[in-house]
Amino acid sequence: MAEKPVRLVLAKLGLDDHIRPLQVLSYAFRDAGMEVVYLGCFQTPQTVVETAAIEDVDAIGLSFHTLSYFGWIDETMNVLKEKGMDSRVSVFVGGTIPPEDTSALEAIGVRGVFLPGVSLGSIVDQIKQTVSQVRDSGGKTV
């Protein structure tokens, strides 16, 4: 039996309107056999997490091209925890994030930080691997 495809929500939070990276990621994930729920720009953490719950996704992908990402990501993680989804839904972030912020983002529960220059293949592989580990663990922390 074929493995269930990875399902994820893609969105940009706040007023960041750099839409091109989300579109490129959306096509790359689709081409890799993933199911993408594309929310686009101007979303809130509540909308993203509610969509993740309704669509029963494995992951949330957030793209940032402004420096306000810490507050948005922290709020998203808090909403996930409030809804009891933080162990089952993995959060991945990417964009213009300085490398020195990676460990702080991972400390609040982000399971993958993709810095400028990383290949689409590497992003796809890491998301698939992480989702597989989370599924195998039954949603326990991996």
N, C-alpha and C. Protein backbone atom coordinates (compact mmCIF):
# COMPACT_ATOMS: atom_id res chain seq x y z
N MET A 1 0.84 -1.18 0.00
CA MET A 1 0.00 0.00 0.00
C MET A 1 0.89 1.24 0.00
N ALA A 2 0.56 2.19 -0.87
CA ALA A 2 1.36 3.41 -0.98
C ALA A 2 1.21 4.24 0.29
N GLU A 3 2.31 4.92 0.64
CA GLU A 3 2.28 5.78 1.81
C GLU A 3 1.39 6.99 1.54
N LYS A 4 0.68 7.40 2.57
CA LYS A 4 -0.19 8.57 2.48
C LYS A 4 0.65 9.80 2.13
N PRO A 5 0.22 10.59 1.15
CA PRO A 5 1.01 11.77 0.79
C PRO A 5 1.05 12.79 1.92
N VAL A 6 2.14 13.52 1.97
CA VAL A 6 2.29 14.60 2.95
C VAL A 6 1.31 15.70 2.56
N ARG A 7 0.57 16.19 3.55
CA ARG A 7 -0.36 17.31 3.34
C ARG A 7 0.16 18.49 4.14
N LEU A 8 0.22 19.66 3.52
CA LEU A 8 0.68 20.84 4.26
C LEU A 8 -0.02 22.11 3.81
N VAL A 9 -0.07 23.05 4.74
CA VAL A 9 -0.60 24.39 4.49
C VAL A 9 0.58 25.30 4.22
N LEU A 10 0.47 26.11 3.17
CA LEU A 10 1.50 27.12 2.87
C LEU A 10 0.89 28.49 3.03
N ALA A 11 1.59 29.38 3.73
CA ALA A 11 1.05 30.72 3.97
C ALA A 11 2.14 31.72 4.30
N LYS A 12 1.77 32.98 4.17
CA LYS A 12 2.59 34.08 4.65
C LYS A 12 1.75 34.82 5.67
N LEU A 13 2.37 35.18 6.79
CA LEU A 13 1.66 35.85 7.87
C LEU A 13 1.90 37.36 7.83
N GLY A 14 0.91 38.09 8.27
CA GLY A 14 1.05 39.54 8.37
C GLY A 14 1.00 40.23 7.03
N LEU A 15 1.73 41.31 6.91
CA LEU A 15 1.67 42.16 5.73
C LEU A 15 2.72 41.84 4.68
N ASP A 16 3.47 40.78 4.88
CA ASP A 16 4.49 40.36 3.92
C ASP A 16 3.80 39.88 2.64
N ASP A 17 4.06 40.55 1.52
CA ASP A 17 3.39 40.18 0.28
C ASP A 17 4.33 39.66 -0.80
N HIS A 18 5.46 39.11 -0.40
CA HIS A 18 6.40 38.51 -1.35
C HIS A 18 5.89 37.10 -1.69
N ILE A 19 5.04 37.03 -2.67
CA ILE A 19 4.27 35.82 -2.96
C ILE A 19 5.05 34.78 -3.78
N ARG A 20 6.01 35.21 -4.55
CA ARG A 20 6.71 34.31 -5.47
C ARG A 20 7.30 33.06 -4.78
N PRO A 21 7.97 33.21 -3.64
CA PRO A 21 8.53 32.00 -3.00
C PRO A 21 7.45 30.96 -2.66
N LEU A 22 6.31 31.43 -2.20
CA LEU A 22 5.23 30.48 -1.88
C LEU A 22 4.75 29.76 -3.13
N GLN A 23 4.67 30.48 -4.24
CA GLN A 23 4.22 29.84 -5.47
C GLN A 23 5.22 28.79 -5.93
N VAL A 24 6.50 29.12 -5.86
CA VAL A 24 7.55 28.16 -6.27
C VAL A 24 7.50 26.93 -5.37
N LEU A 25 7.37 27.14 -4.06
CA LEU A 25 7.30 26.02 -3.13
C LEU A 25 6.05 25.16 -3.40
N SER A 26 4.96 25.83 -3.66
CA SER A 26 3.71 25.11 -3.92
C SER A 26 3.86 24.15 -5.10
N TYR A 27 4.45 24.63 -6.18
CA TYR A 27 4.64 23.77 -7.35
C TYR A 27 5.64 22.66 -7.06
N ALA A 28 6.71 22.97 -6.34
CA ALA A 28 7.72 21.95 -6.01
C ALA A 28 7.11 20.85 -5.13
N PHE A 29 6.30 21.24 -4.15
CA PHE A 29 5.68 20.24 -3.27
C PHE A 29 4.68 19.39 -4.06
N ARG A 30 3.89 20.04 -4.90
CA ARG A 30 2.94 19.29 -5.74
C ARG A 30 3.67 18.29 -6.63
N ASP A 31 4.75 18.74 -7.26
CA ASP A 31 5.52 17.88 -8.16
C ASP A 31 6.17 16.72 -7.41
N ALA A 32 6.39 16.91 -6.10
CA ALA A 32 7.00 15.85 -5.27
C ALA A 32 5.93 14.92 -4.68
N GLY A 33 4.68 15.11 -5.09
CA GLY A 33 3.62 14.22 -4.63
C GLY A 33 2.93 14.65 -3.35
N MET A 34 3.23 15.85 -2.90
CA MET A 34 2.59 16.35 -1.67
C MET A 34 1.27 17.02 -2.01
N GLU A 35 0.39 17.09 -1.03
CA GLU A 35 -0.88 17.79 -1.20
C GLU A 35 -0.76 19.14 -0.49
N VAL A 36 -0.97 20.22 -1.24
CA VAL A 36 -0.73 21.58 -0.73
C VAL A 36 -2.06 22.32 -0.57
N VAL A 37 -2.25 22.89 0.60
CA VAL A 37 -3.36 23.80 0.85
C VAL A 37 -2.73 25.20 0.85
N TYR A 38 -2.97 25.94 -0.21
CA TYR A 38 -2.30 27.22 -0.43
C TYR A 38 -3.17 28.36 0.08
N LEU A 39 -2.71 29.03 1.13
CA LEU A 39 -3.47 30.15 1.69
C LEU A 39 -2.99 31.50 1.16
N GLY A 40 -1.74 31.57 0.74
CA GLY A 40 -1.22 32.83 0.22
C GLY A 40 -0.88 33.83 1.32
N CYS A 41 -1.01 35.13 0.94
CA CYS A 41 -0.55 36.23 1.81
C CYS A 41 -1.62 36.69 2.80
N PHE A 42 -1.13 37.51 3.73
CA PHE A 42 -1.97 38.27 4.67
C PHE A 42 -2.77 37.37 5.62
N GLN A 43 -2.19 36.29 6.04
CA GLN A 43 -2.87 35.36 6.94
C GLN A 43 -2.52 35.66 8.40
N THR A 44 -3.30 35.09 9.30
CA THR A 44 -3.01 35.18 10.73
C THR A 44 -2.67 33.78 11.23
N PRO A 45 -1.98 33.70 12.36
CA PRO A 45 -1.70 32.36 12.92
C PRO A 45 -2.99 31.58 13.18
N GLN A 46 -4.03 32.24 13.64
CA GLN A 46 -5.29 31.55 13.91
C GLN A 46 -5.88 30.94 12.62
N THR A 47 -5.86 31.70 11.54
CA THR A 47 -6.39 31.19 10.27
C THR A 47 -5.57 30.00 9.77
N VAL A 48 -4.27 30.12 9.88
CA VAL A 48 -3.39 29.03 9.40
C VAL A 48 -3.63 27.76 10.21
N VAL A 49 -3.68 27.88 11.53
CA VAL A 49 -3.86 26.69 12.38
C VAL A 49 -5.27 26.12 12.22
N GLU A 50 -6.27 26.97 12.11
CA GLU A 50 -7.63 26.46 11.89
C GLU A 50 -7.72 25.72 10.56
N THR A 51 -7.09 26.24 9.54
CA THR A 51 -7.06 25.54 8.25
C THR A 51 -6.32 24.21 8.37
N ALA A 52 -5.23 24.21 9.11
CA ALA A 52 -4.48 22.97 9.32
C ALA A 52 -5.35 21.92 10.00
N ALA A 53 -6.16 22.35 10.95
CA ALA A 53 -7.05 21.41 11.65
C ALA A 53 -8.14 20.90 10.71
N ILE A 54 -8.77 21.80 9.98
CA ILE A 54 -9.85 21.41 9.07
C ILE A 54 -9.34 20.48 7.97
N GLU A 55 -8.18 20.79 7.44
CA GLU A 55 -7.63 20.02 6.32
C GLU A 55 -6.83 18.79 6.77
N ASP A 56 -6.67 18.62 8.09
CA ASP A 56 -5.95 17.48 8.65
C ASP A 56 -4.56 17.33 8.02
N VAL A 57 -3.79 18.40 8.06
CA VAL A 57 -2.47 18.39 7.43
C VAL A 57 -1.41 17.85 8.39
N ASP A 58 -0.28 17.52 7.80
CA ASP A 58 0.88 17.06 8.56
C ASP A 58 1.80 18.22 8.93
N ALA A 59 1.74 19.29 8.13
CA ALA A 59 2.73 20.35 8.31
C ALA A 59 2.19 21.71 7.90
N ILE A 60 2.84 22.72 8.43
CA ILE A 60 2.58 24.11 8.05
C ILE A 60 3.91 24.68 7.55
N GLY A 61 3.86 25.31 6.39
CA GLY A 61 5.04 25.98 5.84
C GLY A 61 4.80 27.47 5.81
N LEU A 62 5.69 28.22 6.44
CA LEU A 62 5.55 29.67 6.50
C LEU A 62 6.79 30.31 5.86
N SER A 63 6.55 31.28 5.01
CA SER A 63 7.64 31.97 4.33
C SER A 63 7.68 33.42 4.78
N PHE A 64 8.89 33.91 5.08
CA PHE A 64 9.04 35.28 5.58
C PHE A 64 10.11 36.03 4.79
N HIS A 65 9.76 37.25 4.43
CA HIS A 65 10.73 38.13 3.79
C HIS A 65 10.73 39.49 4.46
N THR A 66 10.36 39.48 5.73
CA THR A 66 10.47 40.66 6.58
C THR A 66 11.11 40.20 7.89
N LEU A 67 11.46 41.16 8.72
CA LEU A 67 12.14 40.79 9.97
C LEU A 67 11.19 40.58 11.14
N SER A 68 9.91 40.52 10.90
CA SER A 68 8.95 40.36 11.99
C SER A 68 8.56 38.91 12.23
N TYR A 69 9.33 37.99 11.74
CA TYR A 69 8.92 36.60 11.78
C TYR A 69 8.86 35.98 13.17
N PHE A 70 9.71 36.40 14.11
CA PHE A 70 9.73 35.76 15.43
C PHE A 70 8.37 35.85 16.11
N GLY A 71 7.77 37.01 16.13
CA GLY A 71 6.46 37.16 16.77
C GLY A 71 5.39 36.31 16.12
N TRP A 72 5.40 36.29 14.78
CA TRP A 72 4.41 35.48 14.06
C TRP A 72 4.59 33.99 14.30
N ILE A 73 5.83 33.55 14.27
CA ILE A 73 6.09 32.12 14.47
C ILE A 73 5.75 31.72 15.91
N ASP A 74 6.15 32.54 16.86
CA ASP A 74 5.84 32.25 18.26
C ASP A 74 4.33 32.16 18.47
N GLU A 75 3.58 33.08 17.89
CA GLU A 75 2.13 33.06 18.03
C GLU A 75 1.53 31.81 17.35
N THR A 76 2.06 31.45 16.20
CA THR A 76 1.59 30.23 15.52
C THR A 76 1.83 29.00 16.39
N MET A 77 3.01 28.90 16.98
CA MET A 77 3.32 27.75 17.84
C MET A 77 2.39 27.72 19.05
N ASN A 78 2.10 28.90 19.61
CA ASN A 78 1.19 28.96 20.75
C ASN A 78 -0.23 28.52 20.39
N VAL A 79 -0.72 28.93 19.23
CA VAL A 79 -2.06 28.51 18.79
C VAL A 79 -2.08 27.00 18.56
N LEU A 80 -1.03 26.46 17.97
CA LEU A 80 -0.95 25.01 17.78
C LEU A 80 -1.01 24.28 19.12
N LYS A 81 -0.28 24.79 20.12
CA LYS A 81 -0.28 24.16 21.45
C LYS A 81 -1.65 24.26 22.09
N GLU A 82 -2.28 25.42 21.98
CA GLU A 82 -3.63 25.60 22.57
C GLU A 82 -4.61 24.60 22.00
N LYS A 83 -4.46 24.27 20.73
CA LYS A 83 -5.38 23.34 20.08
C LYS A 83 -4.91 21.89 20.17
N GLY A 84 -3.79 21.66 20.88
CA GLY A 84 -3.27 20.30 21.05
C GLY A 84 -2.75 19.68 19.78
N MET A 85 -2.30 20.52 18.84
CA MET A 85 -1.83 20.02 17.54
C MET A 85 -0.31 20.08 17.40
N ASP A 86 0.39 20.59 18.38
CA ASP A 86 1.82 20.85 18.23
C ASP A 86 2.66 19.60 18.07
N SER A 87 2.21 18.46 18.57
CA SER A 87 3.01 17.24 18.42
C SER A 87 2.73 16.54 17.10
N ARG A 88 1.59 16.84 16.48
CA ARG A 88 1.19 16.15 15.24
C ARG A 88 1.49 16.96 13.98
N VAL A 89 1.43 18.29 14.10
CA VAL A 89 1.64 19.15 12.93
C VAL A 89 3.01 19.82 13.04
N SER A 90 3.87 19.53 12.08
CA SER A 90 5.22 20.10 12.06
C SER A 90 5.20 21.47 11.39
N VAL A 91 5.96 22.39 11.94
CA VAL A 91 6.06 23.73 11.36
C VAL A 91 7.45 23.90 10.75
N PHE A 92 7.45 24.38 9.50
CA PHE A 92 8.68 24.67 8.77
C PHE A 92 8.64 26.13 8.36
N VAL A 93 9.77 26.81 8.44
CA VAL A 93 9.83 28.21 8.04
C VAL A 93 11.01 28.42 7.11
N GLY A 94 10.89 29.46 6.29
CA GLY A 94 11.97 29.79 5.39
C GLY A 94 11.87 31.23 4.95
N GLY A 95 12.90 31.68 4.26
CA GLY A 95 12.93 33.05 3.77
C GLY A 95 14.22 33.74 4.18
N THR A 96 14.11 35.01 4.40
CA THR A 96 15.29 35.80 4.76
C THR A 96 15.51 35.76 6.27
N ILE A 97 15.82 34.60 6.74
CA ILE A 97 16.05 34.37 8.17
C ILE A 97 17.56 34.23 8.39
N PRO A 98 18.11 35.03 9.28
CA PRO A 98 19.56 34.92 9.54
C PRO A 98 19.90 33.56 10.16
N PRO A 99 21.01 32.96 9.77
CA PRO A 99 21.38 31.64 10.31
C PRO A 99 21.45 31.61 11.83
N GLU A 100 21.84 32.71 12.45
CA GLU A 100 21.96 32.72 13.91
C GLU A 100 20.62 32.60 14.63
N ASP A 101 19.51 32.75 13.93
CA ASP A 101 18.18 32.61 14.54
C ASP A 101 17.65 31.18 14.49
N THR A 102 18.33 30.31 13.76
CA THR A 102 17.84 28.94 13.57
C THR A 102 17.64 28.21 14.89
N SER A 103 18.61 28.24 15.77
CA SER A 103 18.47 27.47 17.02
C SER A 103 17.36 28.02 17.89
N ALA A 104 17.14 29.32 17.90
CA ALA A 104 16.05 29.90 18.69
C ALA A 104 14.69 29.46 18.12
N LEU A 105 14.58 29.39 16.81
CA LEU A 105 13.33 28.93 16.20
C LEU A 105 13.09 27.45 16.49
N GLU A 106 14.13 26.66 16.43
CA GLU A 106 14.00 25.23 16.74
C GLU A 106 13.64 25.03 18.21
N ALA A 107 14.12 25.91 19.07
CA ALA A 107 13.83 25.81 20.50
C ALA A 107 12.36 26.04 20.81
N ILE A 108 11.66 26.80 19.97
CA ILE A 108 10.23 27.01 20.21
C ILE A 108 9.37 25.99 19.46
N GLY A 109 10.02 25.03 18.79
CA GLY A 109 9.27 23.93 18.19
C GLY A 109 9.27 23.86 16.69
N VAL A 110 9.89 24.80 16.01
CA VAL A 110 9.97 24.75 14.55
C VAL A 110 10.84 23.55 14.17
N ARG A 111 10.36 22.72 13.26
CA ARG A 111 11.07 21.48 12.92
C ARG A 111 11.98 21.61 11.71
N GLY A 112 11.96 22.74 11.05
CA GLY A 112 12.87 22.95 9.94
C GLY A 112 12.94 24.42 9.59
N VAL A 113 14.16 24.94 9.46
CA VAL A 113 14.38 26.33 9.07
C VAL A 113 15.19 26.30 7.78
N PHE A 114 14.62 26.87 6.72
CA PHE A 114 15.27 26.85 5.41
C PHE A 114 15.77 28.25 5.09
N LEU A 115 17.08 28.37 5.04
CA LEU A 115 17.73 29.66 4.82
C LEU A 115 17.86 29.92 3.32
N PRO A 116 18.15 31.15 2.93
CA PRO A 116 18.33 31.45 1.51
C PRO A 116 19.39 30.54 0.89
N GLY A 117 19.10 30.05 -0.32
CA GLY A 117 20.06 29.24 -1.06
C GLY A 117 19.86 27.75 -0.94
N VAL A 118 19.03 27.30 -0.02
CA VAL A 118 18.80 25.86 0.11
C VAL A 118 17.99 25.38 -1.11
N SER A 119 18.29 24.17 -1.58
CA SER A 119 17.61 23.67 -2.78
C SER A 119 16.19 23.21 -2.46
N LEU A 120 15.34 23.26 -3.48
CA LEU A 120 13.97 22.77 -3.32
C LEU A 120 13.97 21.28 -2.97
N GLY A 121 14.89 20.53 -3.56
CA GLY A 121 14.98 19.10 -3.26
C GLY A 121 15.29 18.85 -1.79
N SER A 122 16.18 19.65 -1.21
CA SER A 122 16.51 19.50 0.20
C SER A 122 15.31 19.82 1.09
N ILE A 123 14.56 20.85 0.71
CA ILE A 123 13.36 21.23 1.48
C ILE A 123 12.34 20.09 1.43
N VAL A 124 12.09 19.59 0.24
CA VAL A 124 11.13 18.48 0.08
C VAL A 124 11.57 17.27 0.90
N ASP A 125 12.85 16.91 0.77
CA ASP A 125 13.35 15.72 1.48
C ASP A 125 13.22 15.88 2.99
N GLN A 126 13.57 17.04 3.52
CA GLN A 126 13.50 17.23 4.97
C GLN A 126 12.06 17.20 5.48
N ILE A 127 11.16 17.82 4.73
CA ILE A 127 9.75 17.80 5.15
C ILE A 127 9.21 16.38 5.13
N LYS A 128 9.46 15.64 4.06
CA LYS A 128 8.98 14.26 3.98
C LYS A 128 9.56 13.40 5.10
N GLN A 129 10.86 13.55 5.36
CA GLN A 129 11.50 12.76 6.41
C GLN A 129 10.92 13.09 7.79
N THR A 130 10.75 14.38 8.07
CA THR A 130 10.23 14.78 9.37
C THR A 130 8.79 14.31 9.56
N VAL A 131 7.96 14.48 8.54
CA VAL A 131 6.57 14.03 8.63
C VAL A 131 6.51 12.52 8.83
N SER A 132 7.35 11.78 8.14
CA SER A 132 7.39 10.34 8.31
C SER A 132 7.76 9.96 9.74
N GLN A 133 8.74 10.66 10.31
CA GLN A 133 9.15 10.39 11.69
C GLN A 133 8.02 10.70 12.67
N VAL A 134 7.33 11.81 12.44
CA VAL A 134 6.22 12.18 13.33
C VAL A 134 5.10 11.16 13.23
N ARG A 135 4.78 10.74 12.01
CA ARG A 135 3.74 9.71 11.84
C ARG A 135 4.14 8.42 12.53
N ASP A 136 5.40 7.99 12.35
CA ASP A 136 5.87 6.74 12.95
C ASP A 136 5.86 6.80 14.47
N SER A 137 6.06 8.00 15.02
CA SER A 137 6.11 8.14 16.49
C SER A 137 4.71 8.30 17.08
N GLY A 138 3.71 8.38 16.22
CA GLY A 138 2.36 8.59 16.72
C GLY A 138 2.12 9.99 17.25
N GLY A 139 2.90 10.93 16.78
CA GLY A 139 2.74 12.32 17.20
C GLY A 139 3.57 12.72 18.40
N LYS A 140 4.38 11.78 18.88
CA LYS A 140 5.26 12.15 19.99
C LYS A 140 6.42 12.98 19.45
N THR A 141 7.05 13.74 20.28
CA THR A 141 8.14 14.61 19.86
C THR A 141 9.25 13.80 19.21
N VAL A 142 9.71 14.27 18.04
CA VAL A 142 10.82 13.60 17.35
C VAL A 142 12.03 14.50 17.33
